[in-house]
PDB file of N, CA and C in Angstrom:
ATOM      1  N   UNK A   1      67.410 -26.825  33.607  1.00  0.00           N
ATOM      2  CA  UNK A   1      67.367 -27.609  34.828  1.00  0.00           C
ATOM      3  C   UNK A   1      68.763 -28.165  35.074  1.00  0.00           C
ATOM      4  N   UNK A   2      69.532 -27.480  35.922  1.00  0.00           N
ATOM      5  CA  UNK A   2      70.915 -27.866  36.125  1.00  0.00           C
ATOM      6  C   UNK A   2      71.276 -27.863  37.611  1.00  0.00           C
ATOM      7  N   UNK A   3      71.726 -29.013  38.127  1.00  0.00           N
ATOM      8  CA  UNK A   3      72.105 -29.079  39.538  1.00  0.00           C
ATOM      9  C   UNK A   3      73.548 -28.645  39.798  1.00  0.00           C
ATOM     10  N   UNK A   4      74.237 -28.181  38.751  1.00  0.00           N
ATOM     11  CA  UNK A   4      75.649 -27.793  38.869  1.00  0.00           C
ATOM     12  C   UNK A   4      75.763 -26.283  38.744  1.00  0.00           C
ATOM     13  N   UNK A   5      76.559 -25.671  39.631  1.00  0.00           N
ATOM     14  CA  UNK A   5      76.842 -24.245  39.527  1.00  0.00           C
ATOM     15  C   UNK A   5      78.314 -24.010  39.845  1.00  0.00           C
ATOM     16  N   UNK A   6      78.828 -22.913  39.351  1.00  0.00           N
ATOM     17  CA  UNK A   6      80.235 -22.583  39.600  1.00  0.00           C
ATOM     18  C   UNK A   6      80.368 -21.775  40.881  1.00  0.00           C
ATOM     19  N   UNK A   7      81.449 -22.049  41.607  1.00  0.00           N
ATOM     20  CA  UNK A   7      81.815 -21.289  42.796  1.00  0.00           C
ATOM     21  C   UNK A   7      83.271 -20.879  42.636  1.00  0.00           C
ATOM     22  N   UNK A   8      83.779 -20.104  43.573  1.00  0.00           N
ATOM     23  CA  UNK A   8      85.117 -19.525  43.460  1.00  0.00           C
ATOM     24  C   UNK A   8      86.212 -20.547  43.139  1.00  0.00           C
ATOM     25  N   UNK A   9      86.202 -21.700  43.816  1.00  0.00           N
ATOM     26  CA  UNK A   9      87.300 -22.643  43.609  1.00  0.00           C
ATOM     27  C   UNK A   9      86.863 -23.945  42.951  1.00  0.00           C
ATOM     28  N   UNK A  10      85.758 -23.891  42.193  1.00  0.00           N
ATOM     29  CA  UNK A  10      85.330 -25.098  41.498  1.00  0.00           C
ATOM     30  C   UNK A  10      83.849 -25.102  41.187  1.00  0.00           C
ATOM     31  N   UNK A  11      83.183 -26.194  41.586  1.00  0.00           N
ATOM     32  CA  UNK A  11      81.771 -26.393  41.274  1.00  0.00           C
ATOM     33  C   UNK A  11      80.989 -26.776  42.516  1.00  0.00           C
ATOM     34  N   UNK A  12      79.718 -26.510  42.490  1.00  0.00           N
ATOM     35  CA  UNK A  12      78.800 -26.925  43.546  1.00  0.00           C
ATOM     36  C   UNK A  12      77.725 -27.785  42.874  1.00  0.00           C
ATOM     37  N   UNK A  13      77.379 -28.887  43.534  1.00  0.00           N
ATOM     38  CA  UNK A  13      76.441 -29.848  42.974  1.00  0.00           C
ATOM     39  C   UNK A  13      75.368 -30.175  44.013  1.00  0.00           C
ATOM     40  N   UNK A  14      74.100 -30.068  43.626  1.00  0.00           N
ATOM     41  CA  UNK A  14      72.990 -30.382  44.508  1.00  0.00           C
ATOM     42  C   UNK A  14      72.518 -31.805  44.224  1.00  0.00           C
ATOM     43  N   UNK A  15      72.383 -32.609  45.285  1.00  0.00           N
ATOM     44  CA  UNK A  15      72.019 -34.019  45.150  1.00  0.00           C
ATOM     45  C   UNK A  15      70.848 -34.386  46.037  1.00  0.00           C
ATOM     46  N   UNK A  16      70.179 -35.459  45.675  1.00  0.00           N
ATOM     47  CA  UNK A  16      69.269 -36.167  46.566  1.00  0.00           C
ATOM     48  C   UNK A  16      69.733 -37.616  46.543  1.00  0.00           C
ATOM     49  N   UNK A  17      70.130 -38.120  47.705  1.00  0.00           N
ATOM     50  CA  UNK A  17      70.736 -39.440  47.800  1.00  0.00           C
ATOM     51  C   UNK A  17      69.737 -40.445  48.359  1.00  0.00           C
ATOM     52  N   UNK A  18      69.695 -41.619  47.740  1.00  0.00           N
ATOM     53  CA  UNK A  18      68.910 -42.738  48.252  1.00  0.00           C
ATOM     54  C   UNK A  18      69.895 -43.794  48.742  1.00  0.00           C
ATOM     55  N   UNK A  19      70.037 -43.942  50.071  1.00  0.00           N
ATOM     56  CA  UNK A  19      70.929 -44.979  50.604  1.00  0.00           C
ATOM     57  C   UNK A  19      70.216 -46.334  50.623  1.00  0.00           C
ATOM     58  N   UNK A  20      70.964 -47.379  50.876  1.00  0.00           N
ATOM     59  CA  UNK A  20      70.452 -48.747  50.956  1.00  0.00           C
ATOM     60  C   UNK A  20      69.724 -49.165  49.685  1.00  0.00           C
ATOM     61  N   UNK A  21      70.183 -48.681  48.538  1.00  0.00           N
ATOM     62  CA  UNK A  21      69.590 -49.044  47.251  1.00  0.00           C
ATOM     63  C   UNK A  21      70.155 -50.388  46.794  1.00  0.00           C
ATOM     64  N   UNK A  22      69.592 -50.934  45.749  1.00  0.00           N
ATOM     65  CA  UNK A  22      70.066 -52.226  45.252  1.00  0.00           C
ATOM     66  C   UNK A  22      71.333 -52.094  44.409  1.00  0.00           C
ATOM     67  N   UNK A  23      71.611 -50.874  43.942  1.00  0.00           N
ATOM     68  CA  UNK A  23      72.780 -50.651  43.094  1.00  0.00           C
ATOM     69  C   UNK A  23      73.254 -49.201  43.241  1.00  0.00           C
ATOM     70  N   UNK A  24      74.563 -48.988  43.086  1.00  0.00           N
ATOM     71  CA  UNK A  24      75.113 -47.627  43.064  1.00  0.00           C
ATOM     72  C   UNK A  24      74.900 -47.062  41.664  1.00  0.00           C
ATOM     73  N   UNK A  25      74.237 -45.901  41.576  1.00  0.00           N
ATOM     74  CA  UNK A  25      74.054 -45.307  40.254  1.00  0.00           C
ATOM     75  C   UNK A  25      73.618 -43.850  40.328  1.00  0.00           C
ATOM     76  N   UNK A  26      73.928 -43.146  39.268  1.00  0.00           N
ATOM     77  CA  UNK A  26      73.440 -41.786  39.054  1.00  0.00           C
ATOM     78  C   UNK A  26      72.178 -41.952  38.229  1.00  0.00           C
ATOM     79  N   UNK A  27      71.048 -41.452  38.750  1.00  0.00           N
ATOM     80  CA  UNK A  27      69.772 -41.727  38.093  1.00  0.00           C
ATOM     81  C   UNK A  27      69.364 -40.636  37.111  1.00  0.00           C
ATOM     82  N   UNK A  28      68.989 -39.473  37.574  1.00  0.00           N
ATOM     83  CA  UNK A  28      68.472 -38.429  36.688  1.00  0.00           C
ATOM     84  C   UNK A  28      68.462 -37.099  37.425  1.00  0.00           C
ATOM     85  N   UNK A  29      68.202 -36.041  36.678  1.00  0.00           N
ATOM     86  CA  UNK A  29      68.014 -34.718  37.270  1.00  0.00           C
ATOM     87  C   UNK A  29      66.515 -34.518  37.470  1.00  0.00           C
ATOM     88  N   UNK A  30      66.150 -33.974  38.621  1.00  0.00           N
ATOM     89  CA  UNK A  30      64.740 -33.697  38.935  1.00  0.00           C
ATOM     90  C   UNK A  30      64.662 -32.317  39.588  1.00  0.00           C
ATOM     91  N   UNK A  31      63.443 -31.875  39.846  1.00  0.00           N
ATOM     92  CA  UNK A  31      63.211 -30.599  40.540  1.00  0.00           C
ATOM     93  C   UNK A  31      62.345 -30.859  41.757  1.00  0.00           C
ATOM     94  N   UNK A  32      62.622 -30.099  42.829  1.00  0.00           N
ATOM     95  CA  UNK A  32      61.764 -30.200  44.007  1.00  0.00           C
ATOM     96  C   UNK A  32      60.579 -29.244  43.842  1.00  0.00           C
ATOM     97  N   UNK A  33      59.711 -29.187  44.837  1.00  0.00           N
ATOM     98  CA  UNK A  33      58.499 -28.361  44.764  1.00  0.00           C
ATOM     99  C   UNK A  33      58.795 -26.881  44.571  1.00  0.00           C
ATOM    100  N   UNK A  34      59.949 -26.425  45.047  1.00  0.00           N
ATOM    101  CA  UNK A  34      60.305 -25.007  44.891  1.00  0.00           C
ATOM    102  C   UNK A  34      61.076 -24.734  43.601  1.00  0.00           C
ATOM    103  N   UNK A  35      61.281 -25.759  42.774  1.00  0.00           N
ATOM    104  CA  UNK A  35      61.929 -25.572  41.484  1.00  0.00           C
ATOM    105  C   UNK A  35      63.431 -25.756  41.473  1.00  0.00           C
ATOM    106  N   UNK A  36      64.026 -26.169  42.595  1.00  0.00           N
ATOM    107  CA  UNK A  36      65.471 -26.372  42.670  1.00  0.00           C
ATOM    108  C   UNK A  36      65.832 -27.710  42.018  1.00  0.00           C
ATOM    109  N   UNK A  37      66.766 -27.675  41.080  1.00  0.00           N
ATOM    110  CA  UNK A  37      67.209 -28.894  40.392  1.00  0.00           C
ATOM    111  C   UNK A  37      68.191 -29.657  41.267  1.00  0.00           C
ATOM    112  N   UNK A  38      68.094 -30.984  41.240  1.00  0.00           N
ATOM    113  CA  UNK A  38      69.028 -31.833  41.965  1.00  0.00           C
ATOM    114  C   UNK A  38      69.277 -33.106  41.175  1.00  0.00           C
ATOM    115  N   UNK A  39      70.438 -33.688  41.404  1.00  0.00           N
ATOM    116  CA  UNK A  39      70.812 -34.949  40.770  1.00  0.00           C
ATOM    117  C   UNK A  39      70.448 -36.077  41.718  1.00  0.00           C
ATOM    118  N   UNK A  40      69.721 -37.065  41.222  1.00  0.00           N
ATOM    119  CA  UNK A  40      69.339 -38.217  42.028  1.00  0.00           C
ATOM    120  C   UNK A  40      70.451 -39.254  41.962  1.00  0.00           C
ATOM    121  N   UNK A  41      70.920 -39.672  43.131  1.00  0.00           N
ATOM    122  CA  UNK A  41      71.997 -40.651  43.225  1.00  0.00           C
ATOM    123  C   UNK A  41      71.573 -41.737  44.212  1.00  0.00           C
ATOM    124  N   UNK A  42      71.785 -42.995  43.846  1.00  0.00           N
ATOM    125  CA  UNK A  42      71.491 -44.131  44.722  1.00  0.00           C
ATOM    126  C   UNK A  42      72.793 -44.830  45.069  1.00  0.00           C
ATOM    127  N   UNK A  43      72.924 -45.219  46.335  1.00  0.00           N
ATOM    128  CA  UNK A  43      74.095 -45.991  46.770  1.00  0.00           C
ATOM    129  C   UNK A  43      73.633 -47.151  47.645  1.00  0.00           C
ATOM    130  N   UNK A  44      74.401 -48.231  47.635  1.00  0.00           N
ATOM    131  CA  UNK A  44      74.047 -49.404  48.429  1.00  0.00           C
ATOM    132  C   UNK A  44      74.430 -49.238  49.899  1.00  0.00           C
ATOM    133  N   UNK A  45      75.283 -48.291  50.197  1.00  0.00           N
ATOM    134  CA  UNK A  45      75.753 -48.080  51.570  1.00  0.00           C
ATOM    135  C   UNK A  45      74.624 -47.616  52.486  1.00  0.00           C
ATOM    136  N   UNK A  46      74.787 -47.935  53.756  1.00  0.00           N
ATOM    137  CA  UNK A  46      73.811 -47.513  54.770  1.00  0.00           C
ATOM    138  C   UNK A  46      74.117 -46.086  55.226  1.00  0.00           C
ATOM    139  N   UNK A  47      73.089 -45.358  55.662  1.00  0.00           N
ATOM    140  CA  UNK A  47      73.293 -43.973  56.083  1.00  0.00           C
ATOM    141  C   UNK A  47      73.729 -43.858  57.540  1.00  0.00           C
ATOM    142  N   UNK A  48      74.845 -44.453  57.875  1.00  0.00           N
ATOM    143  CA  UNK A  48      75.359 -44.336  59.242  1.00  0.00           C
ATOM    144  C   UNK A  48      76.865 -44.165  59.203  1.00  0.00           C
ATOM    145  N   UNK A  49      77.360 -43.367  60.119  1.00  0.00           N
ATOM    146  CA  UNK A  49      78.799 -43.101  60.241  1.00  0.00           C
ATOM    147  C   UNK A  49      79.425 -42.591  58.946  1.00  0.00           C
ATOM    148  N   UNK A  50      78.667 -41.867  58.137  1.00  0.00           N
ATOM    149  CA  UNK A  50      79.203 -41.279  56.911  1.00  0.00           C
ATOM    150  C   UNK A  50      79.429 -42.260  55.772  1.00  0.00           C
ATOM    151  N   UNK A  51      78.944 -43.498  55.916  1.00  0.00           N
ATOM    152  CA  UNK A  51      79.182 -44.513  54.872  1.00  0.00           C
ATOM    153  C   UNK A  51      78.500 -44.163  53.560  1.00  0.00           C
ATOM    154  N   UNK A  52      77.275 -43.667  53.615  1.00  0.00           N
ATOM    155  CA  UNK A  52      76.575 -43.302  52.378  1.00  0.00           C
ATOM    156  C   UNK A  52      77.257 -42.103  51.710  1.00  0.00           C
ATOM    157  N   UNK A  53      77.687 -41.126  52.490  1.00  0.00           N
ATOM    158  CA  UNK A  53      78.394 -39.972  51.918  1.00  0.00           C
ATOM    159  C   UNK A  53      79.682 -40.416  51.232  1.00  0.00           C
ATOM    160  N   UNK A  54      80.430 -41.296  51.877  1.00  0.00           N
ATOM    161  CA  UNK A  54      81.674 -41.805  51.293  1.00  0.00           C
ATOM    162  C   UNK A  54      81.389 -42.570  50.002  1.00  0.00           C
ATOM    163  N   UNK A  55      80.292 -43.325  49.983  1.00  0.00           N
ATOM    164  CA  UNK A  55      79.930 -44.079  48.778  1.00  0.00           C
ATOM    165  C   UNK A  55      79.545 -43.144  47.637  1.00  0.00           C
ATOM    166  N   UNK A  56      78.832 -42.059  47.947  1.00  0.00           N
ATOM    167  CA  UNK A  56      78.468 -41.072  46.930  1.00  0.00           C
ATOM    168  C   UNK A  56      79.719 -40.442  46.341  1.00  0.00           C
ATOM    169  N   UNK A  57      80.629 -40.031  47.204  1.00  0.00           N
ATOM    170  CA  UNK A  57      81.874 -39.408  46.740  1.00  0.00           C
ATOM    171  C   UNK A  57      82.670 -40.386  45.878  1.00  0.00           C
ATOM    172  N   UNK A  58      82.780 -41.636  46.313  1.00  0.00           N
ATOM    173  CA  UNK A  58      83.525 -42.640  45.538  1.00  0.00           C
ATOM    174  C   UNK A  58      82.877 -42.878  44.175  1.00  0.00           C
ATOM    175  N   UNK A  59      81.556 -42.982  44.150  1.00  0.00           N
ATOM    176  CA  UNK A  59      80.836 -43.209  42.891  1.00  0.00           C
ATOM    177  C   UNK A  59      81.060 -42.058  41.915  1.00  0.00           C
ATOM    178  N   UNK A  60      80.868 -40.825  42.398  1.00  0.00           N
ATOM    179  CA  UNK A  60      81.000 -39.668  41.509  1.00  0.00           C
ATOM    180  C   UNK A  60      82.445 -39.453  41.075  1.00  0.00           C
ATOM    181  N   UNK A  61      83.387 -39.653  41.977  1.00  0.00           N
ATOM    182  CA  UNK A  61      84.794 -39.484  41.626  1.00  0.00           C
ATOM    183  C   UNK A  61      85.199 -40.464  40.533  1.00  0.00           C
ATOM    184  N   UNK A  62      84.804 -41.709  40.678  1.00  0.00           N
ATOM    185  CA  UNK A  62      85.146 -42.717  39.674  1.00  0.00           C
ATOM    186  C   UNK A  62      84.462 -42.404  38.342  1.00  0.00           C
ATOM    187  N   UNK A  63      83.201 -42.074  38.407  1.00  0.00           N
ATOM    188  CA  UNK A  63      82.408 -41.828  37.200  1.00  0.00           C
ATOM    189  C   UNK A  63      82.917 -40.610  36.421  1.00  0.00           C
ATOM    190  N   UNK A  64      83.321 -39.577  37.155  1.00  0.00           N
ATOM    191  CA  UNK A  64      83.752 -38.334  36.510  1.00  0.00           C
ATOM    192  C   UNK A  64      85.267 -38.176  36.461  1.00  0.00           C
ATOM    193  N   UNK A  65      86.000 -39.245  36.821  1.00  0.00           N
ATOM    194  CA  UNK A  65      87.469 -39.253  36.768  1.00  0.00           C
ATOM    195  C   UNK A  65      88.082 -38.095  37.572  1.00  0.00           C
ATOM    196  N   UNK A  66      87.663 -38.021  38.843  1.00  0.00           N
ATOM    197  CA  UNK A  66      88.161 -37.010  39.767  1.00  0.00           C
ATOM    198  C   UNK A  66      88.785 -37.703  40.975  1.00  0.00           C
ATOM    199  N   UNK A  67      89.690 -37.030  41.633  1.00  0.00           N
ATOM    200  CA  UNK A  67      90.222 -37.554  42.891  1.00  0.00           C
ATOM    201  C   UNK A  67      89.145 -37.398  43.967  1.00  0.00           C
ATOM    202  N   UNK A  68      88.960 -38.427  44.791  1.00  0.00           N
ATOM    203  CA  UNK A  68      87.963 -38.348  45.863  1.00  0.00           C
ATOM    204  C   UNK A  68      88.228 -37.160  46.777  1.00  0.00           C
ATOM    205  N   UNK A  69      89.500 -36.809  46.949  1.00  0.00           N
ATOM    206  CA  UNK A  69      89.859 -35.709  47.844  1.00  0.00           C
ATOM    207  C   UNK A  69      89.380 -34.342  47.346  1.00  0.00           C
ATOM    208  N   UNK A  70      88.971 -34.242  46.081  1.00  0.00           N
ATOM    209  CA  UNK A  70      88.490 -32.966  45.544  1.00  0.00           C
ATOM    210  C   UNK A  70      86.996 -32.763  45.769  1.00  0.00           C
ATOM    211  N   UNK A  71      86.307 -33.803  46.254  1.00  0.00           N
ATOM    212  CA  UNK A  71      84.858 -33.735  46.452  1.00  0.00           C
ATOM    213  C   UNK A  71      84.560 -33.727  47.947  1.00  0.00           C
ATOM    214  N   UNK A  72      83.719 -32.786  48.368  1.00  0.00           N
ATOM    215  CA  UNK A  72      83.397 -32.653  49.788  1.00  0.00           C
ATOM    216  C   UNK A  72      81.912 -32.347  49.971  1.00  0.00           C
ATOM    217  N   UNK A  73      81.288 -32.974  50.946  1.00  0.00           N
ATOM    218  CA  UNK A  73      79.914 -32.644  51.319  1.00  0.00           C
ATOM    219  C   UNK A  73      79.984 -31.375  52.165  1.00  0.00           C
ATOM    220  N   UNK A  74      79.402 -30.289  51.676  1.00  0.00           N
ATOM    221  CA  UNK A  74      79.467 -29.023  52.408  1.00  0.00           C
ATOM    222  C   UNK A  74      78.152 -28.683  53.104  1.00  0.00           C
ATOM    223  N   UNK A  75      77.092 -29.376  52.733  1.00  0.00           N
ATOM    224  CA  UNK A  75      75.808 -29.172  53.399  1.00  0.00           C
ATOM    225  C   UNK A  75      74.990 -30.448  53.287  1.00  0.00           C
ATOM    226  N   UNK A  76      74.330 -30.823  54.384  1.00  0.00           N
ATOM    227  CA  UNK A  76      73.445 -31.973  54.363  1.00  0.00           C
ATOM    228  C   UNK A  76      74.111 -33.301  54.653  1.00  0.00           C
ATOM    229  N   UNK A  77      75.170 -33.297  55.443  1.00  0.00           N
ATOM    230  CA  UNK A  77      75.902 -34.538  55.729  1.00  0.00           C
ATOM    231  C   UNK A  77      75.000 -35.623  56.307  1.00  0.00           C
ATOM    232  N   UNK A  78      73.971 -35.247  57.054  1.00  0.00           N
ATOM    233  CA  UNK A  78      73.074 -36.241  57.643  1.00  0.00           C
ATOM    234  C   UNK A  78      71.687 -36.211  57.010  1.00  0.00           C
ATOM    235  N   UNK A  79      71.553 -35.554  55.887  1.00  0.00           N
ATOM    236  CA  UNK A  79      70.277 -35.416  55.196  1.00  0.00           C
ATOM    237  C   UNK A  79      70.362 -36.110  53.844  1.00  0.00           C
ATOM    238  N   UNK A  80      69.230 -36.454  53.267  1.00  0.00           N
ATOM    239  CA  UNK A  80      69.228 -37.032  51.917  1.00  0.00           C
ATOM    240  C   UNK A  80      69.568 -35.967  50.871  1.00  0.00           C
ATOM    241  N   UNK A  81      69.185 -34.713  51.151  1.00  0.00           N
ATOM    242  CA  UNK A  81      69.525 -33.599  50.267  1.00  0.00           C
ATOM    243  C   UNK A  81      70.912 -33.099  50.650  1.00  0.00           C
ATOM    244  N   UNK A  82      71.808 -33.034  49.685  1.00  0.00           N
ATOM    245  CA  UNK A  82      73.191 -32.660  49.962  1.00  0.00           C
ATOM    246  C   UNK A  82      73.680 -31.646  48.945  1.00  0.00           C
ATOM    247  N   UNK A  83      74.656 -30.881  49.368  1.00  0.00           N
ATOM    248  CA  UNK A  83      75.387 -30.026  48.445  1.00  0.00           C
ATOM    249  C   UNK A  83      76.849 -30.437  48.533  1.00  0.00           C
ATOM    250  N   UNK A  84      77.407 -30.759  47.373  1.00  0.00           N
ATOM    251  CA  UNK A  84      78.815 -31.127  47.287  1.00  0.00           C
ATOM    252  C   UNK A  84      79.571 -30.003  46.610  1.00  0.00           C
ATOM    253  N   UNK A  85      80.818 -29.834  47.004  1.00  0.00           N
ATOM    254  CA  UNK A  85      81.707 -28.942  46.271  1.00  0.00           C
ATOM    255  C   UNK A  85      82.828 -29.768  45.684  1.00  0.00           C
ATOM    256  N   UNK A  86      83.150 -29.452  44.448  1.00  0.00           N
ATOM    257  CA  UNK A  86      84.248 -30.102  43.742  1.00  0.00           C
ATOM    258  C   UNK A  86      85.301 -29.035  43.511  1.00  0.00           C
ATOM    259  N   UNK A  87      86.457 -29.196  44.154  1.00  0.00           N
ATOM    260  CA  UNK A  87      87.546 -28.239  43.993  1.00  0.00           C
ATOM    261  C   UNK A  87      88.353 -28.602  42.750  1.00  0.00           C
ATOM    262  N   UNK A  88      88.446 -27.645  41.840  1.00  0.00           N
ATOM    263  CA  UNK A  88      89.185 -27.878  40.606  1.00  0.00           C
ATOM    264  C   UNK A  88      89.633 -26.553  39.995  1.00  0.00           C
ATOM    265  N   UNK A  89      90.753 -26.610  39.304  1.00  0.00           N
ATOM    266  CA  UNK A  89      91.232 -25.451  38.543  1.00  0.00           C
ATOM    267  C   UNK A  89      90.605 -25.430  37.148  1.00  0.00           C
ATOM    268  N   UNK A  90      89.974 -26.539  36.758  1.00  0.00           N
ATOM    269  CA  UNK A  90      89.368 -26.676  35.434  1.00  0.00           C
ATOM    270  C   UNK A  90      87.855 -26.811  35.568  1.00  0.00           C
ATOM    271  N   UNK A  91      87.216 -25.810  36.163  1.00  0.00           N
ATOM    272  CA  UNK A  91      85.769 -25.874  36.402  1.00  0.00           C
ATOM    273  C   UNK A  91      84.997 -26.075  35.100  1.00  0.00           C
ATOM    274  N   UNK A  92      85.421 -25.419  34.050  1.00  0.00           N
ATOM    275  CA  UNK A  92      84.714 -25.524  32.773  1.00  0.00           C
ATOM    276  C   UNK A  92      84.774 -26.955  32.228  1.00  0.00           C
ATOM    277  N   UNK A  93      85.950 -27.555  32.251  1.00  0.00           N
ATOM    278  CA  UNK A  93      86.111 -28.917  31.742  1.00  0.00           C
ATOM    279  C   UNK A  93      85.376 -29.949  32.574  1.00  0.00           C
ATOM    280  N   UNK A  94      85.481 -29.824  33.896  1.00  0.00           N
ATOM    281  CA  UNK A  94      84.797 -30.769  34.790  1.00  0.00           C
ATOM    282  C   UNK A  94      83.287 -30.597  34.665  1.00  0.00           C
ATOM    283  N   UNK A  95      82.824 -29.370  34.591  1.00  0.00           N
ATOM    284  CA  UNK A  95      81.388 -29.117  34.427  1.00  0.00           C
ATOM    285  C   UNK A  95      80.878 -29.747  33.133  1.00  0.00           C
ATOM    286  N   UNK A  96      81.627 -29.596  32.051  1.00  0.00           N
ATOM    287  CA  UNK A  96      81.221 -30.195  30.771  1.00  0.00           C
ATOM    288  C   UNK A  96      81.142 -31.716  30.885  1.00  0.00           C
ATOM    289  N   UNK A  97      82.104 -32.328  31.559  1.00  0.00           N
ATOM    290  CA  UNK A  97      82.122 -33.786  31.753  1.00  0.00           C
ATOM    291  C   UNK A  97      80.904 -34.234  32.560  1.00  0.00           C
ATOM    292  N   UNK A  98      80.594 -33.494  33.632  1.00  0.00           N
ATOM    293  CA  UNK A  98      79.447 -33.829  34.480  1.00  0.00           C
ATOM    294  C   UNK A  98      78.145 -33.687  33.695  1.00  0.00           C
ATOM    295  N   UNK A  99      77.975 -32.582  32.998  1.00  0.00           N
ATOM    296  CA  UNK A  99      76.734 -32.346  32.264  1.00  0.00           C
ATOM    297  C   UNK A  99      76.539 -33.366  31.159  1.00  0.00           C
ATOM    298  N   UNK A 100      77.619 -33.745  30.491  1.00  0.00           N
ATOM    299  CA  UNK A 100      77.538 -34.786  29.471  1.00  0.00           C
ATOM    300  C   UNK A 100      77.089 -36.107  30.073  1.00  0.00           C
ATOM    301  N   UNK A 101      77.643 -36.443  31.235  1.00  0.00           N
ATOM    302  CA  UNK A 101      77.283 -37.685  31.913  1.00  0.00           C
ATOM    303  C   UNK A 101      75.828 -37.636  32.385  1.00  0.00           C
ATOM    304  N   UNK A 102      75.410 -36.508  32.921  1.00  0.00           N
ATOM    305  CA  UNK A 102      74.030 -36.376  33.388  1.00  0.00           C
ATOM    306  C   UNK A 102      73.060 -36.538  32.226  1.00  0.00           C
ATOM    307  N   UNK A 103      73.383 -35.957  31.082  1.00  0.00           N
ATOM    308  CA  UNK A 103      72.509 -36.076  29.900  1.00  0.00           C
ATOM    309  C   UNK A 103      72.360 -37.538  29.490  1.00  0.00           C
ATOM    310  N   UNK A 104      73.440 -38.315  29.575  1.00  0.00           N
ATOM    311  CA  UNK A 104      73.372 -39.744  29.215  1.00  0.00           C
ATOM    312  C   UNK A 104      72.573 -40.537  30.238  1.00  0.00           C
ATOM    313  N   UNK A 105      72.588 -40.101  31.510  1.00  0.00           N
ATOM    314  CA  UNK A 105      71.900 -40.820  32.582  1.00  0.00           C
ATOM    315  C   UNK A 105      70.389 -40.587  32.555  1.00  0.00           C
ATOM    316  N   UNK A 106      70.002 -39.421  32.093  1.00  0.00           N
ATOM    317  CA  UNK A 106      68.573 -39.041  32.161  1.00  0.00           C
ATOM    318  C   UNK A 106      67.743 -39.714  31.101  1.00  0.00           C
TER     319      UNK A 106
END
């Protein structure tokens, strides 16, 4: 059950975001009804004018020690279900860091 996959220039990450939460946090990995794994993320930001997306990017960048500019919402900008791409030359290292963090969160 892994929400992370490799793409040509880095990684792709599937998320389900809960905006207007009481705290910013990475919660756990879950599966939807069709079996697709996603990472549950909560942010305190409201879902308007891209504020929740920016909060998700800031949270993940800080947590995984990445530049915010390397993370982009490529699908689902106005949906709770999102796909992010992380551009990196060290996909293996970043993936290991993310998976280690996800294991601690779950």
